[in-house]
Protein backbone atom coordinates (compact mmCIF):
# COMPACT_ATOMS: atom_id res chain seq x y z
CA MET A 1 -26.37 27.91 18.35
CA ALA A 2 -27.46 29.71 15.21
CA SER A 3 -25.07 32.54 16.07
CA LEU A 4 -22.16 30.51 14.74
CA GLY A 5 -23.22 31.08 11.15
CA ALA A 6 -23.31 34.86 11.37
CA GLY A 7 -20.69 37.10 9.79
CA LEU A 8 -18.49 34.43 8.22
CA THR A 9 -17.20 34.49 4.65
CA ALA A 10 -15.82 31.87 2.32
CA ALA A 11 -12.80 33.94 1.31
CA GLY A 12 -9.60 31.98 1.14
CA LEU A 13 -11.13 28.60 1.93
CA VAL A 14 -10.03 25.55 0.00
CA GLY A 15 -10.94 21.91 -0.50
CA CYS A 16 -13.13 19.66 -2.56
CA ALA A 17 -13.97 16.00 -2.35
CA SER A 18 -12.02 13.71 -4.65
CA LYS A 19 -12.38 10.07 -5.57
CA PRO A 20 -10.16 7.82 -3.41
CA ASP A 21 -7.55 5.57 -5.00
CA PRO A 22 -9.06 2.05 -5.01
CA ALA A 23 -5.69 0.62 -3.98
CA THR A 24 -5.68 2.40 -0.63
CA ALA A 25 -9.26 3.53 -0.05
CA SER A 26 -11.93 2.10 2.20
CA THR A 27 -15.20 1.33 0.43
CA ALA A 28 -17.62 2.08 3.24
CA PRO A 29 -21.36 2.23 2.66
CA GLY A 30 -22.49 5.84 2.49
CA ALA A 31 -19.01 7.27 2.00
CA ALA A 32 -19.00 9.63 -0.95
CA THR A 33 -16.77 12.06 -2.73
CA GLY A 34 -19.16 13.85 -5.05
CA ALA A 35 -22.84 14.50 -5.27
CA THR A 36 -25.29 12.87 -7.60
CA CYS A 37 -29.05 13.23 -7.71
CA ASP A 38 -29.16 10.18 -5.47
CA THR A 39 -27.80 12.32 -2.63
CA VAL A 40 -30.04 12.00 0.42
CA LEU A 41 -30.26 13.87 3.68
CA ALA A 42 -27.40 13.04 6.03
CA PRO A 43 -28.67 11.25 9.15
CA GLU A 44 -29.26 13.40 12.19
CA VAL A 45 -27.19 12.28 15.17
CA VAL A 46 -27.04 13.39 18.78
CA GLU A 47 -24.94 16.53 19.34
CA GLY A 48 -23.34 15.10 22.48
CA PRO A 49 -22.13 16.96 25.56
CA TYR A 50 -19.01 18.63 24.15
CA PHE A 51 -20.16 21.13 21.52
CA ILE A 52 -18.92 24.70 22.09
CA ASP A 53 -20.30 27.53 19.95
CA GLY A 54 -18.07 30.12 18.31
CA ARG A 55 -14.78 28.31 17.72
CA GLN A 56 -12.20 29.74 15.30
CA VAL A 57 -12.66 29.93 11.55
CA ARG A 58 -9.62 27.92 10.44
CA ALA A 59 -8.64 24.98 8.27
CA ASP A 60 -5.86 23.60 10.52
CA ILE A 61 -7.38 22.61 13.86
CA THR A 62 -4.54 20.46 15.20
CA GLU A 63 -2.74 23.02 17.41
CA GLY A 64 0.21 20.63 17.46
CA LYS A 65 -1.72 17.66 18.81
CA PRO A 66 0.09 14.39 17.94
CA GLY A 67 -1.60 11.74 15.85
CA VAL A 68 -2.03 10.38 12.35
CA PRO A 69 -2.64 13.40 10.07
CA VAL A 70 -6.06 13.55 8.41
CA THR A 71 -7.18 15.89 5.65
CA LEU A 72 -10.96 15.95 6.02
CA ARG A 73 -12.82 16.92 2.82
CA LEU A 74 -16.55 17.55 3.02
CA LYS A 75 -18.96 18.49 0.26
CA VAL A 76 -22.26 20.04 1.36
CA ILE A 77 -25.16 19.40 -1.01
CA SER A 78 -28.61 20.97 -1.01
CA VAL A 79 -30.82 17.90 -1.27
CA PRO A 80 -33.95 19.60 -2.66
CA ASP A 81 -32.16 20.68 -5.84
CA CYS A 82 -29.14 18.36 -5.67
CA ALA A 83 -26.76 21.30 -6.04
CA PRO A 84 -23.62 22.28 -4.11
CA LEU A 85 -24.47 24.53 -1.16
CA PRO A 86 -22.13 27.56 -0.89
CA ASN A 87 -21.80 29.71 2.23
CA ALA A 88 -22.72 26.91 4.62
CA THR A 89 -20.93 27.21 7.95
CA VAL A 90 -19.45 23.84 8.91
CA SER A 91 -18.26 23.27 12.47
CA ILE A 92 -16.38 20.11 13.49
CA TRP A 93 -15.00 18.90 16.80
CA HIS A 94 -13.51 15.67 18.09
CA CYS A 95 -11.27 14.25 20.81
CA ASP A 96 -7.49 13.91 20.68
CA ALA A 97 -5.54 10.66 20.36
CA LEU A 98 -6.04 9.89 24.06
CA GLY A 99 -9.74 10.68 24.17
CA TYR A 100 -9.73 14.24 25.54
CA TYR A 101 -11.87 17.06 24.14
CA SER A 102 -10.61 20.63 24.29
CA GLY A 103 -12.70 22.61 26.71
CA TYR A 104 -13.16 19.46 28.78
CA THR A 105 -9.67 18.25 29.62
CA LYS A 106 -10.59 17.83 33.30
CA ASN A 107 -13.07 15.14 32.28
CA ASP A 108 -11.62 11.61 32.36
CA PRO A 109 -12.21 9.99 28.94
CA ASP A 110 -12.30 6.57 30.59
CA VAL A 111 -15.34 7.51 32.70
CA GLN A 112 -18.89 7.88 31.40
CA ALA A 113 -19.93 11.50 30.81
CA THR A 114 -22.19 12.95 33.48
CA SER A 115 -24.78 13.83 30.83
CA GLY A 116 -25.65 12.96 27.25
CA VAL A 117 -26.51 16.60 26.63
CA HIS A 118 -24.39 19.73 26.92
CA ILE A 119 -21.87 19.94 29.76
CA GLU A 120 -20.30 23.25 30.76
CA PRO A 121 -16.63 23.52 29.70
CA THR A 122 -13.83 23.08 32.23
CA ASP A 123 -11.15 25.07 30.36
CA ASP A 124 -10.54 27.47 27.46
CA LEU A 125 -8.53 25.14 25.22
CA THR A 126 -9.54 24.94 21.55
CA PHE A 127 -7.59 22.07 19.93
CA LEU A 128 -9.40 19.93 17.35
CA ARG A 129 -12.27 22.38 16.91
CA GLY A 130 -12.82 24.62 13.93
CA VAL A 131 -15.17 26.23 11.47
CA GLN A 132 -15.03 26.59 7.69
CA VAL A 133 -17.48 28.10 5.17
CA SER A 134 -18.28 26.14 2.03
CA ASP A 135 -17.09 27.50 -1.30
CA ALA A 136 -19.03 27.68 -4.57
CA ALA A 137 -18.64 23.91 -4.94
CA GLY A 138 -20.05 23.31 -1.45
CA ALA A 139 -16.62 22.15 -0.29
CA VAL A 140 -14.70 22.61 2.93
CA GLU A 141 -11.40 21.12 4.04
CA PHE A 142 -9.92 20.66 7.51
CA ARG A 143 -6.46 19.52 8.57
CA THR A 144 -6.74 17.46 11.72
CA ILE A 145 -5.66 14.12 13.22
CA TYR A 146 -7.31 10.73 13.50
CA PRO A 147 -9.43 10.87 16.65
CA GLY A 148 -8.91 8.63 19.64
CA TRP A 149 -11.63 6.98 21.69
CA TYR A 150 -13.35 7.32 25.04
CA PHE A 151 -15.94 5.63 27.24
CA GLY A 152 -18.93 4.20 25.41
CA ARG A 153 -18.16 5.43 21.88
CA ALA A 154 -16.61 4.26 18.66
CA ILE A 155 -14.19 6.70 17.02
CA HIS A 156 -16.05 9.61 15.44
CA ILE A 157 -15.98 13.28 14.40
CA HIS A 158 -18.88 15.61 15.24
CA VAL A 159 -20.26 18.04 12.65
CA LYS A 160 -22.80 20.85 12.60
CA VAL A 161 -23.91 22.67 9.45
CA PHE A 162 -25.48 26.12 9.60
CA HIS A 163 -27.10 28.03 6.74
CA GLY A 164 -29.24 31.13 6.66
CA GLY A 165 -28.75 31.71 10.38
CA HIS A 166 -30.01 28.33 11.57
CA VAL A 167 -28.83 24.74 12.09
CA THR A 168 -29.46 22.55 9.05
CA HIS A 169 -27.66 19.40 10.21
CA THR A 170 -26.09 17.81 13.27
CA GLY A 171 -24.20 14.61 12.61
CA GLN A 172 -21.17 12.43 13.19
CA PHE A 173 -18.61 10.85 10.85
CA TYR A 174 -17.06 7.45 11.45
CA PHE A 175 -14.05 5.48 10.21
CA ASP A 176 -13.93 1.86 9.04
CA ASP A 177 -12.87 -0.43 11.88
CA PRO A 178 -10.01 -2.09 9.91
CA ILE A 179 -8.38 1.34 9.49
CA THR A 180 -8.95 2.17 13.15
CA ASP A 181 -7.40 -1.15 14.19
CA GLN A 182 -4.19 -0.15 12.43
CA VAL A 183 -4.19 3.40 13.77
CA ALA A 184 -4.77 2.17 17.33
CA ALA A 185 -1.49 0.24 17.16
CA LEU A 186 0.48 3.43 16.43
CA GLU A 187 1.79 6.11 18.78
CA PRO A 188 0.31 7.92 20.62
CA TYR A 189 -2.92 5.93 20.35
CA ARG A 190 -1.50 2.74 21.81
CA GLN A 191 -0.76 4.60 25.04
CA HIS A 192 -4.51 4.62 25.70
CA ASP A 193 -5.24 1.12 26.96
CA PHE A 194 -8.93 1.73 27.70
CA PRO A 195 -11.17 -0.67 25.68
CA ARG A 196 -12.32 0.77 22.35
CA LEU A 197 -15.80 0.18 20.93
CA ARG A 198 -16.17 -1.00 17.37
CA ASN A 199 -18.75 0.66 15.16
CA SER A 200 -21.15 -2.26 15.47
CA ASP A 201 -21.11 -1.91 19.27
CA ASP A 202 -21.82 1.84 19.29
CA ARG A 203 -25.53 2.49 19.79
CA TYR A 204 -25.39 5.82 17.97
CA PHE A 205 -23.71 4.22 14.97
CA THR A 206 -26.20 1.37 14.81
CA ARG A 207 -29.37 3.40 15.52
CA GLN A 208 -28.64 6.82 14.00
CA GLY A 209 -27.44 6.10 10.47
CA GLY A 210 -23.81 5.23 11.06
CA LEU A 211 -23.46 3.15 7.91
CA ARG A 212 -24.31 6.24 5.86
CA SER A 213 -21.78 8.36 7.75
CA VAL A 214 -18.56 6.37 7.25
CA LEU A 215 -15.75 8.37 5.69
CA ALA A 216 -13.99 7.19 2.54
CA THR A 217 -10.29 7.13 3.40
CA THR A 218 -7.14 7.10 1.29
CA GLN A 219 -3.61 6.76 2.60
CA VAL A 220 -1.26 9.57 1.63
CA ASP A 221 1.53 6.97 1.36
CA ALA A 222 0.36 3.43 0.61
CA GLY A 223 3.35 2.10 2.54
CA SER A 224 2.92 4.18 5.70
CA LEU A 225 -0.35 4.77 7.53
CA ALA A 226 1.50 7.08 9.91
CA ALA A 227 2.08 9.48 6.99
CA GLY A 228 -1.60 10.32 7.06
CA LEU A 229 -4.96 9.94 5.36
CA THR A 230 -7.46 11.89 3.36
CA ALA A 231 -11.06 11.33 4.43
CA SER A 232 -14.08 12.48 2.47
CA ILE A 233 -17.86 12.37 2.44
CA THR A 234 -20.83 14.20 0.95
CA VAL A 235 -23.23 15.80 3.42
CA GLY A 236 -26.78 16.20 2.16
CA VAL A 237 -28.82 18.92 3.90
CA ASP A 238 -32.05 20.85 3.42
CA PRO A 239 -30.88 24.47 3.75
CA ASP A 240 -34.39 25.68 4.62
CA ALA A 241 -35.04 23.13 7.36
CA THR A 242 -34.07 22.96 11.02
CA PRO A 243 -34.17 19.26 11.91
CA ALA A 244 -35.39 18.24 15.35
CA PRO A 245 -32.43 17.36 17.61
CA ALA A 246 -31.67 13.65 17.76
CA THR A 247 -32.15 12.12 21.18
CA SER A 248 -29.16 11.28 23.36
CA ARG A 249 -30.83 7.99 24.29
CA PRO A 250 -31.40 6.17 20.98
């Protein structure tokens, strides 16, 4: 997995966390838009079965997938010195609006995965996966869509951070349930009639630091959720450490 961080540069990358507008932002515990010296290590969370190494370095990961647009802004902070961490390789991946992961579209999202650890891919698709390298401010930005849901999980985005040739963090980001309730009523999400777990019913959220991993969200247009959201959070890591993998059975 450490190979993902090799040979990448930060040239041309954009994005920095910004403070959400109080009129349209969620105020979730743990959601952050800038680092202070109170920044702590982001909670380690299970990688899950659908990570694929070596996806494209790109900001726009949508590949035309329909859904509510999301601009995801992350700021990576080195916790030991409370400073922005440049040249960190950040990989994200998540399912589409109907619960399918690229690389695994033959897997039914309404059926429990055959394993909580890595599963071999079923196809070569790459939607909603991408890699960015943090700039001098520790910032990366992705253009994606609001994820859908699948068996046994609340809505989430997976993240891995690499630095110095090794993994420094494996985590997941979540959305406030009131926002998700509204998104789930929109197309194409409402086509998926499989029951959706709320954050409080997701064992990974409740047992692996979910409250500290909720994204701060701001509507692009206060009058139209369908117009999109910005979502931001600070990710505290120890660039010299390789945390032990979180268990898939919390």
